[in-house]
Protein backbone atom coordinates (compact mmCIF):
# COMPACT_ATOMS: atom_id res chain seq x y z
CA MET A 1 473.97 -51.78 198.21
CA GLU A 2 473.16 -53.48 201.26
CA TYR A 3 471.97 -50.63 202.76
CA PHE A 4 469.79 -49.84 199.54
CA LEU A 5 468.39 -53.30 200.10
CA GLU A 6 467.49 -53.06 203.88
CA LEU A 7 465.84 -49.85 203.33
CA LEU A 8 463.68 -51.28 200.68
CA LYS A 9 462.55 -53.97 203.01
CA LEU A 10 461.43 -51.47 205.56
CA ILE A 11 459.99 -49.26 202.62
CA LEU A 12 458.01 -51.09 200.67
CA PRO A 13 455.79 -53.04 203.55
CA ALA A 14 455.28 -49.47 205.04
CA GLY A 15 454.01 -47.99 201.57
CA ALA A 16 451.94 -51.09 201.09
CA VAL A 17 449.99 -50.40 204.59
CA LEU A 18 449.96 -46.89 203.93
CA TYR A 19 448.41 -47.37 200.47
CA GLY A 20 445.79 -49.72 202.14
CA MET A 21 444.81 -47.02 204.72
CA TYR A 22 444.83 -44.42 202.13
CA LEU A 23 442.14 -46.91 200.39
CA VAL A 24 440.11 -47.88 203.52
CA VAL A 25 439.56 -43.94 204.54
CA MET A 26 438.79 -42.96 200.97
CA SER A 27 436.04 -45.75 200.54
CA PHE A 28 434.78 -44.79 204.28
CA LEU A 29 434.55 -41.04 203.13
CA SER A 30 433.02 -41.86 200.26
CA LYS A 31 430.19 -44.21 201.83
CA GLU A 32 429.96 -41.18 204.24
CA ARG A 33 429.19 -38.69 201.85
CA GLU A 34 426.84 -41.09 200.03
CA LYS A 35 425.05 -41.77 203.16
CA MET A 36 424.63 -37.43 204.00
CA LEU A 37 423.47 -36.81 200.23
CA VAL A 38 420.76 -39.72 200.90
CA ASP A 39 419.67 -37.84 204.37
CA LEU A 40 420.00 -34.24 202.29
CA LYS A 41 417.45 -35.89 199.49
CA THR A 42 415.06 -37.34 202.39
CA GLN A 43 414.64 -34.26 204.48
CA ASN A 44 414.25 -32.52 201.06
CA THR A 45 411.76 -34.55 199.92
CA GLN A 46 409.85 -34.09 203.20
CA THR A 47 409.99 -30.37 203.05
CA ILE A 48 409.13 -30.18 199.20
CA LEU A 49 406.61 -33.00 198.67
CA PRO A 50 403.75 -31.34 200.88
CA ILE A 51 404.63 -28.05 198.99
CA ARG A 52 404.28 -29.95 195.36
CA LEU A 53 400.82 -31.26 196.66
CA GLN A 54 399.61 -27.98 197.80
CA ALA A 55 400.85 -26.57 194.06
CA ALA A 56 399.02 -29.39 192.48
CA GLU A 57 395.93 -28.87 194.57
CA ARG A 58 395.97 -25.05 193.85
CA LEU A 59 396.66 -25.48 190.17
CA CYS A 60 393.25 -27.92 189.60
CA LEU A 61 391.26 -25.71 191.47
CA LEU A 62 392.34 -22.94 189.19
CA LEU A 63 391.07 -25.28 186.24
CA GLU A 64 388.31 -26.33 188.13
CA ARG A 65 386.93 -22.36 188.88
CA ILE A 66 387.85 -21.42 185.10
CA THR A 67 385.69 -24.07 183.61
CA PRO A 68 382.76 -22.28 181.65
CA ASN A 69 380.39 -24.02 183.61
CA ASN A 70 381.77 -22.72 187.02
CA LEU A 71 382.80 -19.30 185.93
CA VAL A 72 379.28 -18.41 184.76
CA ARG A 73 377.84 -19.68 187.75
CA ARG A 74 379.77 -17.82 190.42
CA SER A 75 378.78 -14.22 188.55
CA ASN A 76 375.16 -14.44 188.35
CA PRO A 77 374.63 -13.25 185.04
CA SER A 78 370.85 -12.10 185.38
CA GLN A 79 372.01 -9.12 187.03
CA PHE A 80 374.16 -7.74 183.84
CA LEU A 81 374.39 -6.94 180.23
CA ALA A 82 376.43 -8.88 178.11
CA ALA A 83 378.93 -5.91 177.88
CA GLU A 84 378.84 -5.76 181.48
CA LEU A 85 379.74 -9.56 182.11
CA HIS A 86 382.13 -10.02 179.63
CA PRO A 87 385.18 -8.02 180.91
CA MET A 88 384.17 -9.28 184.65
CA LEU A 89 384.47 -13.24 183.29
CA LEU A 90 387.84 -12.19 181.57
CA ASN A 91 389.15 -10.36 184.81
CA GLU A 92 388.15 -13.36 186.99
CA VAL A 93 389.91 -15.83 184.64
CA ARG A 94 393.32 -13.54 184.49
CA GLU A 95 393.00 -13.20 188.42
CA GLU A 96 393.02 -16.83 189.01
CA PHE A 97 395.63 -17.59 186.57
CA ASN A 98 397.83 -14.47 188.11
CA HIS A 99 397.04 -15.72 191.63
CA ASN A 100 398.75 -19.41 190.78
CA LEU A 101 401.25 -17.86 188.56
CA SER A 102 404.22 -19.23 190.90
CA GLN A 103 402.76 -22.68 190.89
CA GLN A 104 404.74 -23.50 187.91
CA VAL A 105 408.19 -23.66 189.54
CA TYR A 106 406.76 -26.78 190.87
CA PHE A 107 405.72 -28.50 187.65
CA SER A 108 407.53 -29.47 184.52
CA ASP A 109 406.94 -27.21 181.11
CA LYS A 110 404.73 -29.77 179.45
CA THR A 111 402.29 -29.46 182.11
CA TRP A 112 402.44 -25.69 182.83
CA GLU A 113 401.97 -25.41 179.16
CA ALA A 114 399.20 -27.53 179.38
CA VAL A 115 397.54 -25.51 182.33
CA ARG A 116 398.02 -21.90 180.11
CA ARG A 117 396.69 -23.44 176.94
CA ALA A 118 393.55 -24.25 179.42
CA VAL A 119 393.22 -20.60 180.47
CA GLU A 120 393.72 -19.47 176.94
CA GLU A 121 391.01 -21.73 175.58
CA VAL A 122 388.37 -20.43 178.40
CA VAL A 123 389.41 -16.64 177.44
CA THR A 124 388.90 -17.68 173.48
CA ILE A 125 385.31 -18.96 174.56
CA ILE A 126 384.59 -15.90 176.37
CA ASN A 127 385.48 -13.81 173.61
CA LEU A 128 383.86 -15.89 170.77
CA SER A 129 380.68 -16.33 172.71
CA ARG A 130 380.82 -12.24 173.22
CA GLN A 131 381.50 -11.52 169.63
CA SER A 132 378.53 -13.79 168.39
CA LEU A 133 375.80 -11.67 170.59
CA GLU A 134 374.47 -8.40 169.71
CA SER A 135 375.42 -5.42 171.33
CA GLU A 136 372.82 -4.77 173.73
CA ALA A 137 372.37 -8.86 174.88
CA SER A 138 371.56 -9.76 177.89
CA GLY A 139 374.39 -11.57 180.46
CA MET A 140 372.22 -14.72 180.05
CA ASP A 141 372.52 -14.92 176.50
CA LEU A 142 375.97 -14.47 177.00
CA ALA A 143 376.17 -17.12 179.13
CA LYS A 144 373.84 -19.47 177.26
CA ALA A 145 376.49 -18.51 174.47
CA ILE A 146 379.42 -19.63 176.60
CA PHE A 147 377.83 -22.67 177.74
CA ALA A 148 377.07 -23.70 174.13
CA LEU A 149 380.62 -23.14 172.80
CA SER A 150 382.61 -24.74 175.71
CA LEU A 151 379.80 -28.15 175.19
CA GLU A 152 380.67 -27.64 171.88
CA ARG A 153 384.53 -27.48 172.42
CA LYS A 154 384.23 -30.29 175.55
CA ASN A 155 386.81 -28.04 177.52
CA ASP A 156 389.55 -30.40 176.17
CA ALA A 157 392.14 -28.36 177.31
CA ILE A 158 390.96 -28.34 180.57
CA SER A 159 390.56 -31.73 181.06
CA TYR A 160 393.80 -32.52 179.29
CA ALA A 161 395.73 -30.04 181.83
CA LEU A 162 394.03 -31.70 184.90
CA LYS A 163 395.29 -35.09 183.44
CA GLU A 164 398.70 -33.46 183.07
CA VAL A 165 398.72 -32.13 186.85
CA LYS A 166 397.55 -35.42 188.16
CA SER A 167 400.11 -37.77 186.21
CA GLU A 168 402.80 -35.66 187.57
CA VAL A 169 401.66 -35.92 191.21
CA GLN A 170 401.40 -39.79 190.71
CA LEU A 171 405.49 -39.33 189.77
CA TYR A 172 405.75 -38.48 193.61
CA PHE A 173 403.85 -41.68 194.49
């Protein structure tokens, strides 16, 4: 029994020291892991932030380019009939959208949905304007109808999408 007490006198302090060392090492490893995660997030932010900003710039440019005013001005409507200009405008909107389709990975679903709705709104304006004209109407007639309808609708979808993109960019700063 005395042997057991002597052994206990040695093992108990040694166990307490080992347990203390275990806690110190675990605390150190935990802090090192947190530090590595912070460093990784910092590096990730330095890499991804410029890409996200570039994506936001591209989406703003897309929305500005498909605004009916800008879209019609670039197409030179006086050279075409409405029947020729209509598919050209639709094609340009679709190409602009398809060219920037990959930017959705950098934005929330809400923002991307706003951009998609803005594109659909422009397509609707173009289609409704074409439907309101005669079959032999000129490109200028189509341009006037597009301007009138877009003024009537006030391009709310485009301005809303621009606000969404800008507000999401503000989250980074």
